[in-house]
Amino acid sequence: TTPVGPAVIRELVAKAPLLDPAADWQVRYAFFARAGFTPAAQQAAQQHHALLVDLAIVDADLRRALVYN
């Protein structure tokens, strides 16, 4: 598996208006990828203040949650 590149970020951001958010909605971006994101994708996402989540982050968060429960 390869990290997500910037083209995927740009494509998904371009498709966001198709969701037809209400006028009073504020759009926030969160991207999920199994193998992470390339530096260029991270930079593209940063331009939109997007949250980037990869499998390592999910795994670490789940492990922490299990420790506290």
N, C-alpha and C. Protein backbone atom coordinates (compact mmCIF):
# COMPACT_ATOMS: atom_id res chain seq x y z
N THR A 1 0.84 -1.18 0.00
CA THR A 1 0.00 0.00 0.00
C THR A 1 0.89 1.24 0.00
N THR A 2 0.49 2.23 -0.76
CA THR A 2 1.28 3.46 -0.86
C THR A 2 0.54 4.62 -0.20
N PRO A 3 1.27 5.60 0.28
CA PRO A 3 0.64 6.76 0.89
C PRO A 3 -0.20 7.55 -0.12
N VAL A 4 -1.19 8.22 0.38
CA VAL A 4 -2.06 9.05 -0.46
C VAL A 4 -1.26 10.26 -0.93
N GLY A 5 -1.43 10.61 -2.19
CA GLY A 5 -0.75 11.76 -2.78
C GLY A 5 -1.65 12.97 -2.83
N PRO A 6 -1.10 14.09 -3.24
CA PRO A 6 -1.86 15.35 -3.25
C PRO A 6 -3.03 15.37 -4.23
N ALA A 7 -2.96 14.59 -5.30
CA ALA A 7 -4.05 14.58 -6.27
C ALA A 7 -5.35 14.10 -5.63
N VAL A 8 -5.25 13.13 -4.72
CA VAL A 8 -6.45 12.62 -4.04
C VAL A 8 -7.05 13.71 -3.16
N ILE A 9 -6.21 14.43 -2.45
CA ILE A 9 -6.69 15.52 -1.60
C ILE A 9 -7.39 16.57 -2.45
N ARG A 10 -6.76 16.98 -3.53
CA ARG A 10 -7.36 17.99 -4.41
C ARG A 10 -8.68 17.51 -5.00
N GLU A 11 -8.74 16.25 -5.41
CA GLU A 11 -9.95 15.68 -6.00
C GLU A 11 -11.10 15.69 -4.99
N LEU A 12 -10.83 15.26 -3.76
CA LEU A 12 -11.88 15.22 -2.75
C LEU A 12 -12.36 16.61 -2.35
N VAL A 13 -11.44 17.56 -2.25
CA VAL A 13 -11.83 18.93 -1.94
C VAL A 13 -12.69 19.50 -3.07
N ALA A 14 -12.34 19.19 -4.31
CA ALA A 14 -13.11 19.68 -5.46
C ALA A 14 -14.52 19.09 -5.47
N LYS A 15 -14.69 17.88 -4.94
CA LYS A 15 -16.01 17.23 -4.92
C LYS A 15 -16.88 17.70 -3.75
N ALA A 16 -16.31 18.32 -2.77
CA ALA A 16 -17.06 18.72 -1.57
C ALA A 16 -18.31 19.55 -1.88
N PRO A 17 -18.26 20.50 -2.81
CA PRO A 17 -19.48 21.28 -3.10
C PRO A 17 -20.64 20.43 -3.62
N LEU A 18 -20.35 19.25 -4.14
CA LEU A 18 -21.41 18.37 -4.64
C LEU A 18 -22.30 17.87 -3.50
N LEU A 19 -21.82 17.95 -2.27
CA LEU A 19 -22.60 17.52 -1.12
C LEU A 19 -23.70 18.51 -0.77
N ASP A 20 -23.64 19.69 -1.36
CA ASP A 20 -24.66 20.72 -1.19
C ASP A 20 -24.90 21.05 0.27
N PRO A 21 -23.86 21.53 0.96
CA PRO A 21 -24.06 21.89 2.36
C PRO A 21 -24.99 23.10 2.49
N ALA A 22 -25.70 23.15 3.59
CA ALA A 22 -26.59 24.28 3.84
C ALA A 22 -25.77 25.56 3.96
N ALA A 23 -26.40 26.67 3.72
CA ALA A 23 -25.69 27.96 3.72
C ALA A 23 -25.01 28.25 5.05
N ASP A 24 -25.58 27.76 6.14
CA ASP A 24 -25.00 28.05 7.46
C ASP A 24 -24.03 26.98 7.93
N TRP A 25 -23.74 26.01 7.10
CA TRP A 25 -22.77 24.96 7.46
C TRP A 25 -21.36 25.46 7.26
N GLN A 26 -20.47 24.95 8.08
CA GLN A 26 -19.04 25.22 7.90
C GLN A 26 -18.39 23.89 7.54
N VAL A 27 -17.74 23.84 6.40
CA VAL A 27 -17.14 22.60 5.90
C VAL A 27 -15.78 22.40 6.56
N ARG A 28 -15.55 21.21 7.08
CA ARG A 28 -14.26 20.79 7.64
C ARG A 28 -13.85 19.51 6.93
N TYR A 29 -12.58 19.36 6.68
CA TYR A 29 -12.08 18.18 5.97
C TYR A 29 -11.33 17.25 6.92
N ALA A 30 -11.60 15.97 6.77
CA ALA A 30 -10.85 14.92 7.48
C ALA A 30 -10.59 13.82 6.46
N PHE A 31 -9.33 13.47 6.27
CA PHE A 31 -8.95 12.46 5.30
C PHE A 31 -8.36 11.26 6.04
N PHE A 32 -8.75 10.08 5.60
CA PHE A 32 -8.29 8.84 6.21
C PHE A 32 -7.53 8.01 5.17
N ALA A 33 -6.39 7.46 5.59
CA ALA A 33 -5.59 6.65 4.68
C ALA A 33 -4.88 5.56 5.46
N ARG A 34 -4.91 4.38 4.92
CA ARG A 34 -4.26 3.23 5.57
C ARG A 34 -2.76 3.44 5.69
N ALA A 35 -2.12 3.90 4.62
CA ALA A 35 -0.66 3.99 4.59
C ALA A 35 -0.14 5.41 4.79
N GLY A 36 -0.98 6.31 5.23
CA GLY A 36 -0.53 7.67 5.48
C GLY A 36 -0.59 8.55 4.24
N PHE A 37 0.11 9.65 4.32
CA PHE A 37 0.04 10.69 3.30
C PHE A 37 1.45 11.12 2.91
N THR A 38 1.65 11.41 1.65
CA THR A 38 2.94 11.92 1.20
C THR A 38 3.12 13.33 1.76
N PRO A 39 4.36 13.81 1.80
CA PRO A 39 4.56 15.20 2.24
C PRO A 39 3.78 16.21 1.40
N ALA A 40 3.68 15.96 0.11
CA ALA A 40 2.92 16.87 -0.76
C ALA A 40 1.44 16.84 -0.42
N ALA A 41 0.91 15.66 -0.08
CA ALA A 41 -0.50 15.55 0.32
C ALA A 41 -0.72 16.25 1.65
N GLN A 42 0.24 16.13 2.55
CA GLN A 42 0.13 16.81 3.84
C GLN A 42 0.08 18.32 3.63
N GLN A 43 0.90 18.80 2.73
CA GLN A 43 0.92 20.23 2.42
C GLN A 43 -0.41 20.67 1.80
N ALA A 44 -0.95 19.87 0.87
CA ALA A 44 -2.24 20.19 0.24
C ALA A 44 -3.35 20.21 1.28
N ALA A 45 -3.34 19.25 2.19
CA ALA A 45 -4.36 19.19 3.23
C ALA A 45 -4.23 20.36 4.19
N GLN A 46 -3.01 20.76 4.47
CA GLN A 46 -2.77 21.88 5.40
C GLN A 46 -3.40 23.17 4.87
N GLN A 47 -3.43 23.32 3.56
CA GLN A 47 -4.04 24.52 2.97
C GLN A 47 -5.52 24.62 3.30
N HIS A 48 -6.14 23.50 3.62
CA HIS A 48 -7.57 23.46 3.95
C HIS A 48 -7.80 23.19 5.44
N HIS A 49 -6.73 23.24 6.22
CA HIS A 49 -6.79 22.97 7.67
C HIS A 49 -7.44 21.61 7.93
N ALA A 50 -7.09 20.64 7.11
CA ALA A 50 -7.69 19.31 7.18
C ALA A 50 -7.04 18.45 8.25
N LEU A 51 -7.83 17.56 8.78
CA LEU A 51 -7.35 16.55 9.71
C LEU A 51 -6.91 15.34 8.90
N LEU A 52 -5.71 14.84 9.14
CA LEU A 52 -5.22 13.66 8.45
C LEU A 52 -5.11 12.52 9.46
N VAL A 53 -5.71 11.39 9.12
CA VAL A 53 -5.71 10.23 10.02
C VAL A 53 -5.23 9.02 9.23
N ASP A 54 -4.23 8.34 9.78
CA ASP A 54 -3.78 7.11 9.14
C ASP A 54 -3.95 5.95 10.11
N LEU A 55 -3.66 4.77 9.65
CA LEU A 55 -3.87 3.57 10.45
C LEU A 55 -3.04 3.59 11.73
N ALA A 56 -1.84 4.14 11.67
CA ALA A 56 -0.99 4.22 12.86
C ALA A 56 -1.64 5.08 13.94
N ILE A 57 -2.26 6.18 13.54
CA ILE A 57 -2.94 7.05 14.49
C ILE A 57 -4.14 6.34 15.11
N VAL A 58 -4.93 5.69 14.28
CA VAL A 58 -6.10 4.97 14.78
C VAL A 58 -5.65 3.87 15.74
N ASP A 59 -4.63 3.13 15.37
CA ASP A 59 -4.14 2.05 16.22
C ASP A 59 -3.66 2.59 17.57
N ALA A 60 -2.89 3.66 17.54
CA ALA A 60 -2.38 4.24 18.79
C ALA A 60 -3.51 4.75 19.67
N ASP A 61 -4.50 5.40 19.06
CA ASP A 61 -5.63 5.91 19.83
C ASP A 61 -6.44 4.77 20.45
N LEU A 62 -6.64 3.71 19.69
CA LEU A 62 -7.38 2.56 20.23
C LEU A 62 -6.62 1.90 21.37
N ARG A 63 -5.31 1.78 21.23
CA ARG A 63 -4.50 1.19 22.31
C ARG A 63 -4.59 2.03 23.58
N ARG A 64 -4.52 3.36 23.42
CA ARG A 64 -4.64 4.24 24.58
C ARG A 64 -6.02 4.11 25.22
N ALA A 65 -7.06 4.01 24.40
CA ALA A 65 -8.42 3.87 24.92
C ALA A 65 -8.58 2.58 25.71
N LEU A 66 -7.95 1.51 25.24
CA LEU A 66 -8.05 0.23 25.93
C LEU A 66 -7.36 0.26 27.28
N VAL A 67 -6.30 1.02 27.38
CA VAL A 67 -5.55 1.14 28.64
C VAL A 67 -6.42 1.84 29.68
N TYR A 68 -7.19 2.84 29.25
CA TYR A 68 -7.99 3.61 30.19
C TYR A 68 -9.32 2.95 30.54
N ASN A 69 -9.70 1.92 29.82
CA ASN A 69 -10.99 1.27 30.12
C ASN A 69 -10.79 0.03 30.86
